[in-house]
Amino acid sequence: MAEAVEPYALYIHIPWCEKKCPYCDFNSHESHGEIAEVHYLAALVKDLESELEYENFNAALAKVKIQ
């Protein structure tokens, strides 16, 4: 019988902000000009796809946090 696997959470960090909030302690940077979000998201998807191929994800995804 397969071992029970706990659900997991996925945290996605978007490191650019229009303005850095004074209370924020996340690794983020104010944008100065155009943000390369298309390239960042493409790299993020590629990274997630490679992890899915490498890891054995038998667990359910319980939550997704995008910060």
Protein backbone atom coordinates (compact mmCIF):
# COMPACT_ATOMS: atom_id res chain seq x y z
CA MET A 1 0.00 0.00 0.00
CA ALA A 2 1.29 3.48 -0.86
CA GLU A 3 2.34 5.71 1.98
CA ALA A 4 -0.02 8.65 2.67
CA VAL A 5 1.40 11.91 1.38
CA GLU A 6 0.55 15.25 2.95
CA PRO A 7 -0.91 17.94 0.67
CA TYR A 8 1.56 20.61 -0.30
CA ALA A 9 1.48 24.36 -0.87
CA LEU A 10 3.05 26.25 -3.75
CA TYR A 11 4.58 29.67 -3.12
CA ILE A 12 5.35 31.82 -6.15
CA HIS A 13 7.35 34.96 -5.54
CA ILE A 14 7.09 37.86 -7.98
CA PRO A 15 10.15 39.99 -7.13
CA TRP A 16 9.08 43.31 -8.64
CA CYS A 17 6.82 46.00 -7.23
CA GLU A 18 5.79 49.40 -8.49
CA LYS A 19 6.85 50.74 -5.11
CA LYS A 20 8.50 48.99 -2.17
CA CYS A 21 6.21 49.06 0.86
CA PRO A 22 7.99 50.14 4.07
CA TYR A 23 6.63 47.14 6.02
CA CYS A 24 7.58 44.52 3.40
CA ASP A 25 10.34 42.10 4.31
CA PHE A 26 10.13 40.02 1.12
CA ASN A 27 13.01 40.00 -1.34
CA SER A 28 11.50 42.46 -3.80
CA HIS A 29 12.67 45.46 -5.75
CA GLU A 30 11.01 48.59 -7.08
CA SER A 31 10.68 48.49 -10.81
CA HIS A 32 12.62 51.15 -12.68
CA GLY A 33 11.32 50.89 -16.20
CA GLU A 34 9.81 47.90 -17.94
CA ILE A 35 9.37 44.69 -15.98
CA ALA A 36 10.36 41.50 -17.77
CA GLU A 37 7.33 39.57 -16.51
CA VAL A 38 6.86 37.60 -19.73
CA HIS A 39 10.40 36.21 -19.50
CA TYR A 40 10.10 35.67 -15.74
CA LEU A 41 6.81 33.77 -16.04
CA ALA A 42 8.15 31.64 -18.91
CA ALA A 43 11.17 30.70 -16.77
CA LEU A 44 8.88 30.00 -13.80
CA VAL A 45 6.68 27.65 -15.86
CA LYS A 46 9.76 25.89 -17.25
CA ASP A 47 11.11 25.44 -13.72
CA LEU A 48 7.81 24.04 -12.43
CA GLU A 49 7.54 21.64 -15.36
CA SER A 50 11.06 20.34 -14.73
CA GLU A 51 10.25 19.81 -11.03
CA LEU A 52 7.14 17.84 -11.95
CA GLU A 53 9.27 15.56 -14.13
CA TYR A 54 11.91 15.15 -11.41
CA GLU A 55 9.80 14.83 -8.27
CA ASN A 56 7.12 12.28 -7.44
CA PHE A 57 4.12 14.52 -6.83
CA ASN A 58 1.46 12.14 -5.55
CA ALA A 59 0.18 14.71 -3.08
CA ALA A 60 -2.67 17.12 -3.63
CA LEU A 61 -1.98 20.81 -4.04
CA ALA A 62 -3.65 22.39 -1.01
CA LYS A 63 -2.98 26.06 -1.73
CA VAL A 64 -1.13 28.48 -3.96
CA LYS A 65 0.26 31.76 -2.66
CA ILE A 66 1.49 34.40 -5.08
CA GLN A 67 3.37 37.25 -3.47
